[in-house]
C-alpha atoms as a PDB file:
ATOM      1  CA  MET A   1      40.754-144.233 -62.434  1.00  0.00           C
ATOM      2  CA  LYS A   2      44.124-142.794 -62.388  1.00  0.00           C
ATOM      3  CA  LYS A   3      42.872-139.826 -60.204  1.00  0.00           C
ATOM      4  CA  ILE A   4      41.476-142.415 -57.681  1.00  0.00           C
ATOM      5  CA  LEU A   5      44.618-144.074 -57.336  1.00  0.00           C
ATOM      6  CA  ILE A   6      46.792-140.899 -56.963  1.00  0.00           C
ATOM      7  CA  ALA A   7      44.329-139.831 -54.358  1.00  0.00           C
ATOM      8  CA  MET A   8      44.500-143.062 -52.437  1.00  0.00           C
ATOM      9  CA  THR A   9      48.046-143.038 -52.516  1.00  0.00           C
ATOM     10  CA  LEU A  10      48.119-139.420 -51.297  1.00  0.00           C
ATOM     11  CA  VAL A  11      45.844-140.490 -48.177  1.00  0.00           C
ATOM     12  CA  LEU A  12      47.715-143.416 -47.413  1.00  0.00           C
ATOM     13  CA  SER A  13      51.084-141.733 -47.302  1.00  0.00           C
ATOM     14  CA  LEU A  14      49.618-139.148 -45.049  1.00  0.00           C
ATOM     15  CA  ALA A  15      48.063-141.527 -42.677  1.00  0.00           C
ATOM     16  CA  SER A  16      51.389-143.301 -42.407  1.00  0.00           C
ATOM     17  CA  CYS A  17      52.876-140.018 -40.825  1.00  0.00           C
ATOM     18  CA  ILE A  18      50.635-139.844 -37.708  1.00  0.00           C
ATOM     19  CA  LYS A  19      52.404-140.833 -34.521  1.00  0.00           C
ATOM     20  CA  GLU A  20      50.687-143.061 -31.660  1.00  0.00           C
ATOM     21  CA  GLU A  21      51.302-141.910 -28.334  1.00  0.00           C
ATOM     22  CA  PRO A  22      53.500-144.564 -26.311  1.00  0.00           C
ATOM     23  CA  THR A  23      51.821-146.352 -23.735  1.00  0.00           C
ATOM     24  CA  PRO A  24      53.018-145.401 -20.165  1.00  0.00           C
ATOM     25  CA  CYS A  25      55.218-148.505 -18.782  1.00  0.00           C
ATOM     26  CA  ASN A  26      55.390-147.125 -15.333  1.00  0.00           C
ATOM     27  CA  CYS A  27      51.678-148.179 -14.602  1.00  0.00           C
ATOM     28  CA  GLY A  28      49.977-151.553 -13.873  1.00  0.00           C
ATOM     29  CA  LEU A  29      47.417-153.400 -11.815  1.00  0.00           C
ATOM     30  CA  ILE A  30      47.975-153.831  -7.912  1.00  0.00           C
ATOM     31  CA  VAL A  31      47.624-157.444  -7.108  1.00  0.00           C
ATOM     32  CA  SER A  32      48.442-157.375  -3.647  1.00  0.00           C
ATOM     33  CA  ASP A  33      49.182-155.092  -0.691  1.00  0.00           C
ATOM     34  CA  ASP A  34      50.789-155.447   2.730  1.00  0.00           C
ATOM     35  CA  VAL A  35      49.856-153.141   5.735  1.00  0.00           C
ATOM     36  CA  ALA A  36      53.231-154.268   7.547  1.00  0.00           C
ATOM     37  CA  ASP A  37      55.337-151.889   5.223  1.00  0.00           C
ATOM     38  CA  TYR A  38      52.640-150.049   3.262  1.00  0.00           C
ATOM     39  CA  SER A  39      53.792-151.778   0.309  1.00  0.00           C
ATOM     40  CA  VAL A  40      51.858-152.963  -3.071  1.00  0.00           C
ATOM     41  CA  ASP A  41      52.811-155.688  -5.516  1.00  0.00           C
ATOM     42  CA  ILE A  42      51.970-154.372  -9.209  1.00  0.00           C
ATOM     43  CA  ARG A  43      51.753-156.053 -12.357  1.00  0.00           C
ATOM     44  CA  ASN A  44      53.096-153.971 -15.017  1.00  0.00           C
ATOM     45  CA  ASP A  45      50.872-153.198 -18.012  1.00  0.00           C
ATOM     46  CA  CYS A  46      53.719-153.420 -20.540  1.00  0.00           C
ATOM     47  CA  SER A  47      55.901-156.350 -19.358  1.00  0.00           C
ATOM     48  CA  ASP A  48      53.467-158.186 -17.218  1.00  0.00           C
ATOM     49  CA  ASN A  49      56.311-158.187 -14.405  1.00  0.00           C
ATOM     50  CA  ILE A  50      55.354-157.680 -10.773  1.00  0.00           C
ATOM     51  CA  LYS A  51      57.282-155.703  -8.592  1.00  0.00           C
ATOM     52  CA  LYS A  52      56.735-154.564  -4.911  1.00  0.00           C
ATOM     53  CA  PHE A  53      56.793-150.825  -4.014  1.00  0.00           C
ATOM     54  CA  THR A  54      56.675-149.314  -0.561  1.00  0.00           C
ATOM     55  CA  LEU A  55      54.360-146.459  -0.753  1.00  0.00           C
ATOM     56  CA  TYR A  56      53.920-143.502   1.891  1.00  0.00           C
ATOM     57  CA  GLU A  57      51.371-144.463   4.364  1.00  0.00           C
ATOM     58  CA  GLY A  58      48.559-141.642   2.613  1.00  0.00           C
ATOM     59  CA  ASP A  59      49.438-143.300  -0.878  1.00  0.00           C
ATOM     60  CA  TRP A  60      49.031-146.775   0.290  1.00  0.00           C
ATOM     61  CA  ILE A  61      45.417-146.081   1.877  1.00  0.00           C
ATOM     62  CA  ASN A  62      44.294-144.981  -1.661  1.00  0.00           C
ATOM     63  CA  ALA A  63      45.888-147.748  -3.481  1.00  0.00           C
ATOM     64  CA  HIS A  64      43.353-150.495  -3.754  1.00  0.00           C
ATOM     65  CA  VAL A  65      43.982-154.285  -4.906  1.00  0.00           C
ATOM     66  CA  GLY A  66      42.573-154.605  -8.578  1.00  0.00           C
ATOM     67  CA  SER A  67      42.844-150.885  -9.320  1.00  0.00           C
ATOM     68  CA  GLN A  68      45.344-149.430 -11.575  1.00  0.00           C
ATOM     69  CA  TYR A  69      48.562-147.682  -9.840  1.00  0.00           C
ATOM     70  CA  CYS A  70      51.467-145.643 -11.709  1.00  0.00           C
ATOM     71  CA  ILE A  71      54.787-145.244 -10.088  1.00  0.00           C
ATOM     72  CA  SER A  72      56.152-141.685 -11.068  1.00  0.00           C
ATOM     73  CA  ASN A  73      59.962-142.184 -10.118  1.00  0.00           C
ATOM     74  CA  VAL A  74      60.235-145.305 -12.669  1.00  0.00           C
ATOM     75  CA  THR A  75      59.970-145.733 -16.342  1.00  0.00           C
ATOM     76  CA  SER A  76      59.578-149.414 -16.420  1.00  0.00           C
ATOM     77  CA  TRP A  77      60.026-152.684 -14.497  1.00  0.00           C
END
């Protein structure tokens, strides 16, 4: 019984050292878009905030409402 307890303690202590990858907070769901200024409104996956981003025309064409999109020049919003 003592050996099982020591083994379980060892396994639990090693499992607590495993680091999880942080969720990127610069991505979210596109909730709307505007062709007038090539902008999209994105709901952040981490904070649930919505922010408007103006994209290049080529990027805007590929950013569809209801899809995930990541903004590379911000860390969060």
